[in-house]
Amino acid sequence: MNILKNISCAILCSVLLSGIGLAQSSGWIGTVAENVAPNYTGELRPAISAQLDRAGGISVDYAGNLITIHIHNYSYFPHVVAGDGWSTAFSFTNTGLTEASGTLNFRDSQGNPLPIAGQFNYASAIAHPMSVASSYSFIIPPGESIYLSARPVDESGGKKIGWAQLDSLGSIAGMVTYEHVVDEKTDCFFSAPQSSLLQVAAIPVDMDADSGKRMVYSIVNPGTQNISVEMLLISQESVAVGDPILVKLGPGEQISKYLSPDQEHFRGLLVLHEQKGQSFLAFGMLEKQGLPTAIPLILFQ
């Protein structure tokens, strides 16, 4: 009888979880188990229901115990720049009801760890001492935010370009802000949200040589296999312009460069897709007379 109860509980929990999905960080789990695991909130005694405290999975053993499996979430920042007047700042907000944690890993264009001079600022408004590392870990209480500034380790070492990956537990929303300073005055300041993995995407293009408008794109391979991303310009009339450009990237590699179409004036789309359906990251910027701003991606289902 107990075995049948536990099997029915496992089936019930599996059905309920299939409807929850990873986008939600909490939800009520109905169960006929007699024990509640420590990772669950609710009654401090055997109960027939338990509240899932963060995104993850649940199983039930034959003793009737609820077993939790927390799933790591990954988000990305395809463009990080520090040096030559540039700095990159990150803001992270815990949108859930329980404590969240994360680790931000920096990589250079070859996929190697990228040391940066980082400094945390928490809700207490107290700035932590600056430290040099390629990986920064943090914990955020529910509803609170933290900030991490990323500056070059050596101000005289020129501009460093790379990307970053956030490995998190819980519900964390991220934003990145770029700032350029000349003679202690900010002449460029813009932000972009965290990025997700792509198989197909497009970047709006509006280039005009006469007014000094140019486009910069970044493509990143965050995986462990080689990828081949095909780039194709599509005009406003939905006509392919020129030949496709193939970008091949090894694991962890990034490319960041100016788009150079044959025409000095072009409006349309730069369509990106990975030839074998593997994942990549992309980021676009429109630069006018030396001042860039982020371009939102168009995502395809």
Protein backbone atom coordinates (compact mmCIF):
# COMPACT_ATOMS: atom_id res chain seq x y z
CA MET A 1 0.00 0.00 0.00
CA ASN A 2 2.78 2.44 0.88
CA ILE A 3 4.58 1.63 -2.37
CA LEU A 4 1.42 2.36 -4.33
CA LYS A 5 0.99 5.65 -2.47
CA ASN A 6 4.57 6.70 -3.21
CA ILE A 7 4.30 5.73 -6.88
CA SER A 8 1.06 7.67 -7.23
CA CYS A 9 2.72 10.65 -5.54
CA ALA A 10 5.65 10.52 -7.97
CA ILE A 11 3.25 10.47 -10.91
CA LEU A 12 1.21 13.35 -9.46
CA CYS A 13 4.30 15.43 -8.81
CA SER A 14 5.61 14.79 -12.33
CA VAL A 15 2.32 15.91 -13.86
CA LEU A 16 2.18 19.05 -11.75
CA LEU A 17 5.78 19.97 -12.52
CA SER A 18 5.26 19.57 -16.24
CA GLY A 19 2.77 22.43 -16.03
CA ILE A 20 4.97 24.69 -13.92
CA GLY A 21 7.91 25.16 -16.30
CA LEU A 22 11.24 26.79 -15.54
CA ALA A 23 9.99 30.34 -16.03
CA GLN A 24 8.22 30.28 -12.65
CA SER A 25 10.20 30.30 -9.42
CA SER A 26 7.50 29.01 -7.10
CA GLY A 27 4.33 26.97 -7.06
CA TRP A 28 2.28 24.65 -4.88
CA ILE A 29 3.01 20.94 -5.23
CA GLY A 30 0.24 18.53 -4.21
CA THR A 31 1.47 15.20 -2.84
CA VAL A 32 0.38 12.27 -0.73
CA ALA A 33 3.87 11.95 0.77
CA GLU A 34 4.13 12.12 4.52
CA ASN A 35 7.41 14.06 4.74
CA VAL A 36 8.52 17.48 3.53
CA ALA A 37 12.13 18.12 2.48
CA PRO A 38 14.09 21.03 4.03
CA ASN A 39 14.14 22.91 0.72
CA TYR A 40 10.38 23.36 0.94
CA THR A 41 8.54 26.02 2.90
CA GLY A 42 5.19 25.60 4.54
CA GLU A 43 4.11 23.55 7.50
CA LEU A 44 6.85 22.37 9.82
CA ARG A 45 5.34 18.88 10.09
CA PRO A 46 4.34 16.07 7.72
CA ALA A 47 1.93 17.47 5.18
CA ILE A 48 0.18 16.59 1.95
CA SER A 49 1.35 19.72 0.15
CA ALA A 50 4.55 21.76 -0.08
CA GLN A 51 5.62 25.03 -1.67
CA LEU A 52 8.44 24.93 -4.21
CA ASP A 53 10.80 27.73 -3.20
CA ARG A 54 12.63 28.15 -6.53
CA ALA A 55 12.82 26.80 -10.06
CA GLY A 56 13.77 23.17 -10.17
CA GLY A 57 12.50 19.64 -10.10
CA ILE A 58 10.93 17.33 -7.56
CA SER A 59 10.95 13.60 -6.99
CA VAL A 60 9.66 11.27 -4.31
CA ASP A 61 11.52 8.31 -2.84
CA TYR A 62 9.91 5.11 -1.60
CA ALA A 63 9.98 6.42 1.98
CA GLY A 64 7.67 9.23 0.94
CA ASN A 65 10.32 11.98 1.10
CA LEU A 66 10.22 14.91 -1.30
CA ILE A 67 13.57 15.37 -3.04
CA THR A 68 14.38 18.68 -4.73
CA ILE A 69 16.66 19.27 -7.71
CA HIS A 70 17.58 22.92 -8.26
CA ILE A 71 18.27 23.83 -11.87
CA HIS A 72 20.91 26.36 -12.85
CA ASN A 73 19.81 29.25 -15.05
CA TYR A 74 22.16 30.78 -17.60
CA SER A 75 22.01 34.23 -19.14
CA TYR A 76 24.61 36.14 -21.12
CA PHE A 77 26.16 39.48 -21.96
CA PRO A 78 27.68 39.16 -25.47
CA HIS A 79 29.67 42.38 -25.27
CA VAL A 80 31.88 43.54 -22.40
CA VAL A 81 34.39 46.36 -22.81
CA ALA A 82 36.89 47.90 -20.40
CA GLY A 83 39.77 50.30 -20.96
CA ASP A 84 40.57 53.24 -23.23
CA GLY A 85 37.91 55.28 -21.40
CA TRP A 86 35.32 52.49 -21.46
CA SER A 87 33.77 50.67 -18.50
CA THR A 88 30.92 48.16 -18.19
CA ALA A 89 28.50 48.01 -15.25
CA PHE A 90 26.04 45.24 -14.37
CA SER A 91 22.86 45.41 -12.32
CA PHE A 92 21.15 42.29 -10.99
CA THR A 93 17.72 42.17 -9.34
CA ASN A 94 16.18 39.27 -7.46
CA THR A 95 12.62 39.14 -8.78
CA GLY A 96 11.69 36.10 -6.69
CA LEU A 97 10.40 35.55 -3.16
CA THR A 98 13.46 33.70 -1.89
CA GLU A 99 17.20 34.31 -1.81
CA ALA A 100 18.98 34.07 -5.18
CA SER A 101 22.65 33.52 -5.97
CA GLY A 102 24.80 33.91 -9.04
CA THR A 103 28.30 33.82 -10.48
CA LEU A 104 29.34 36.13 -13.33
CA ASN A 105 32.18 34.71 -15.44
CA PHE A 106 34.17 36.93 -17.80
CA ARG A 107 35.78 35.62 -21.00
CA ASP A 108 37.98 37.28 -23.61
CA SER A 109 37.49 36.93 -27.38
CA GLN A 110 39.40 33.64 -27.40
CA GLY A 111 37.26 32.15 -24.62
CA ASN A 112 39.92 32.47 -21.93
CA PRO A 113 39.18 33.94 -18.47
CA LEU A 114 39.26 37.75 -18.64
CA PRO A 115 40.45 39.41 -15.42
CA ILE A 116 38.72 42.69 -14.66
CA ALA A 117 38.80 45.13 -11.75
CA GLY A 118 35.36 44.70 -10.21
CA GLN A 119 33.53 46.44 -7.38
CA PHE A 120 30.17 45.46 -5.82
CA ASN A 121 27.57 47.91 -4.56
CA TYR A 122 24.71 46.44 -2.51
CA ALA A 123 21.37 47.83 -1.35
CA SER A 124 23.09 49.17 1.76
CA ALA A 125 24.80 51.69 -0.56
CA ILE A 126 28.14 50.58 0.86
CA ALA A 127 30.73 49.97 -1.85
CA HIS A 128 32.87 46.89 -1.34
CA PRO A 129 36.61 47.11 -1.99
CA MET A 130 37.67 46.68 -5.60
CA SER A 131 39.17 43.31 -6.48
CA VAL A 132 40.69 41.71 -9.58
CA ALA A 133 39.18 38.44 -10.83
CA SER A 134 37.59 36.80 -13.86
CA SER A 135 34.67 35.41 -11.84
CA TYR A 136 32.44 37.17 -9.27
CA SER A 137 29.88 35.45 -7.03
CA PHE A 138 27.05 37.10 -5.11
CA ILE A 139 23.85 36.52 -3.13
CA ILE A 140 20.75 38.73 -3.43
CA PRO A 141 17.89 38.79 -0.89
CA PRO A 142 14.33 38.79 -2.27
CA GLY A 143 13.39 42.00 -4.07
CA GLU A 144 16.84 43.58 -3.73
CA SER A 145 19.45 44.56 -6.33
CA ILE A 146 23.22 44.65 -6.56
CA TYR A 147 25.61 46.43 -8.92
CA LEU A 148 28.99 45.36 -10.23
CA SER A 149 31.29 47.76 -12.05
CA ALA A 150 33.89 46.29 -14.41
CA ARG A 151 36.98 48.35 -15.17
CA PRO A 152 40.34 47.49 -16.74
CA VAL A 153 43.00 46.00 -14.50
CA ASP A 154 45.56 48.31 -16.12
CA GLU A 155 44.25 51.67 -17.35
CA SER A 156 47.24 52.01 -19.67
CA GLY A 157 46.75 48.56 -21.19
CA GLY A 158 44.32 49.62 -23.91
CA LYS A 159 40.76 48.43 -24.55
CA LYS A 160 39.78 44.88 -23.58
CA ILE A 161 36.73 43.28 -25.25
CA GLY A 162 35.00 40.07 -24.24
CA TRP A 163 31.73 38.63 -22.96
CA ALA A 164 30.19 37.31 -19.75
CA GLN A 165 28.00 34.42 -18.59
CA LEU A 166 25.75 34.50 -15.52
CA ASP A 167 25.22 31.15 -13.77
CA SER A 168 22.39 31.61 -11.26
CA LEU A 169 20.01 29.87 -8.89
CA GLY A 170 16.71 31.65 -8.38
CA SER A 171 15.06 34.48 -10.30
CA ILE A 172 17.65 37.09 -11.35
CA ALA A 173 17.12 39.77 -14.00
CA GLY A 174 20.26 41.45 -15.37
CA MET A 175 21.12 44.64 -17.21
CA VAL A 176 24.41 45.92 -18.60
CA THR A 177 25.43 49.58 -19.01
CA TYR A 178 28.33 50.91 -21.07
CA GLU A 179 30.02 54.23 -20.34
CA HIS A 180 32.79 56.12 -22.12
CA VAL A 181 34.62 58.92 -20.32
CA VAL A 182 36.98 61.51 -21.82
CA ASP A 183 38.75 64.02 -19.54
CA GLU A 184 36.48 62.99 -16.65
CA LYS A 185 33.35 63.75 -18.70
CA THR A 186 30.91 61.11 -19.96
CA ASP A 187 30.37 61.36 -23.70
CA CYS A 188 28.57 58.03 -24.21
CA PHE A 189 26.18 56.08 -21.98
CA PHE A 190 23.75 53.28 -22.98
CA SER A 191 22.26 50.05 -21.62
CA ALA A 192 21.01 46.65 -22.81
CA PRO A 193 19.24 43.72 -21.10
CA GLN A 194 20.78 40.30 -20.56
CA SER A 195 20.77 37.97 -23.58
CA SER A 196 19.56 34.44 -24.19
CA LEU A 197 20.79 31.72 -26.54
CA LEU A 198 19.80 32.05 -30.21
CA GLN A 199 19.56 29.84 -33.26
CA VAL A 200 18.15 32.53 -35.59
CA ALA A 201 17.96 36.32 -35.11
CA ALA A 202 18.13 39.58 -37.03
CA ILE A 203 19.67 42.98 -36.30
CA PRO A 204 18.08 46.10 -37.86
CA VAL A 205 20.61 47.98 -40.00
CA ASP A 206 20.57 51.71 -40.83
CA MET A 207 23.90 52.75 -42.32
CA ASP A 208 24.69 56.09 -43.91
CA ALA A 209 28.26 57.04 -44.75
CA ASP A 210 27.36 60.72 -45.23
CA SER A 211 26.11 61.11 -41.65
CA GLY A 212 28.74 58.80 -40.16
CA LYS A 213 26.35 55.99 -39.18
CA ARG A 214 27.96 52.56 -38.95
CA MET A 215 26.94 49.24 -37.42
CA VAL A 216 28.97 47.08 -35.04
CA TYR A 217 28.06 43.47 -34.36
CA SER A 218 29.28 40.87 -31.88
CA ILE A 219 28.78 37.11 -32.16
CA VAL A 220 29.74 34.68 -29.39
CA ASN A 221 29.99 30.90 -29.20
CA PRO A 222 29.14 30.11 -25.55
CA GLY A 223 29.14 26.35 -26.09
CA THR A 224 31.71 23.58 -26.24
CA GLN A 225 31.40 22.75 -29.97
CA ASN A 226 32.47 24.69 -33.07
CA ILE A 227 29.72 26.75 -34.68
CA SER A 228 29.17 28.35 -38.11
CA VAL A 229 26.92 31.40 -38.17
CA GLU A 230 25.74 32.62 -41.57
CA MET A 231 25.11 36.36 -41.96
CA LEU A 232 22.97 37.73 -44.79
CA LEU A 233 21.83 41.28 -45.51
CA ILE A 234 18.14 41.62 -46.42
CA SER A 235 16.90 44.89 -47.94
CA GLN A 236 13.71 46.72 -46.98
CA GLU A 237 12.12 45.05 -50.02
CA SER A 238 13.00 41.62 -48.54
CA VAL A 239 15.69 40.96 -51.15
CA ALA A 240 19.05 39.36 -50.30
CA VAL A 241 21.92 41.78 -50.84
CA GLY A 242 25.34 40.34 -51.65
CA ASP A 243 26.66 36.92 -50.73
CA PRO A 244 26.26 35.33 -47.28
CA ILE A 245 29.15 35.75 -44.84
CA LEU A 246 30.12 32.71 -42.78
CA VAL A 247 31.50 33.29 -39.27
CA LYS A 248 33.19 30.24 -37.73
CA LEU A 249 33.84 30.29 -33.99
CA GLY A 250 35.44 27.76 -31.68
CA PRO A 251 34.23 27.14 -28.12
CA GLY A 252 34.12 30.38 -26.12
CA GLU A 253 35.26 32.55 -29.02
CA GLN A 254 33.84 35.97 -29.90
CA ILE A 255 34.01 38.24 -32.93
CA SER A 256 33.25 41.96 -32.73
CA LYS A 257 33.65 44.19 -35.78
CA TYR A 258 32.11 46.77 -38.08
CA LEU A 259 29.65 45.66 -40.73
CA SER A 260 30.94 46.65 -44.17
CA PRO A 261 28.31 46.26 -46.91
CA ASP A 262 29.13 47.18 -50.51
CA GLN A 263 26.74 50.12 -50.39
CA GLU A 264 27.51 53.28 -48.41
CA HIS A 265 23.79 53.62 -47.68
CA PHE A 266 21.82 50.60 -46.53
CA ARG A 267 18.63 49.97 -44.58
CA GLY A 268 17.29 46.53 -43.81
CA LEU A 269 18.21 43.53 -41.69
CA LEU A 270 21.30 41.53 -40.90
CA VAL A 271 19.93 37.98 -40.50
CA LEU A 272 21.98 35.50 -38.48
CA HIS A 273 21.48 31.75 -38.25
CA GLU A 274 23.63 28.83 -37.17
CA GLN A 275 23.92 26.30 -39.99
CA LYS A 276 23.44 23.20 -37.80
CA GLY A 277 20.93 24.70 -35.38
CA GLN A 278 23.43 25.19 -32.57
CA SER A 279 23.19 28.10 -30.16
CA PHE A 280 25.03 31.41 -30.33
CA LEU A 281 24.85 34.93 -28.88
CA ALA A 282 24.57 38.19 -30.80
CA PHE A 283 24.72 41.89 -30.02
CA GLY A 284 24.35 44.92 -32.28
CA MET A 285 25.32 48.58 -31.94
CA LEU A 286 24.61 51.58 -34.14
CA GLU A 287 27.44 54.08 -34.10
CA LYS A 288 26.99 57.65 -35.30
CA GLN A 289 30.00 59.94 -35.43
CA GLY A 290 31.83 57.74 -32.94
CA LEU A 291 28.97 57.44 -30.42
CA PRO A 292 27.34 53.97 -30.21
CA THR A 293 24.02 52.76 -28.84
CA ALA A 294 22.58 49.25 -28.52
CA ILE A 295 20.24 47.83 -31.18
CA PRO A 296 17.48 45.43 -29.99
CA LEU A 297 17.50 42.05 -31.73
CA ILE A 298 14.55 40.70 -33.70
CA LEU A 299 13.95 37.13 -32.54
CA PHE A 300 12.46 34.40 -34.74
CA GLN A 301 10.42 31.50 -33.40
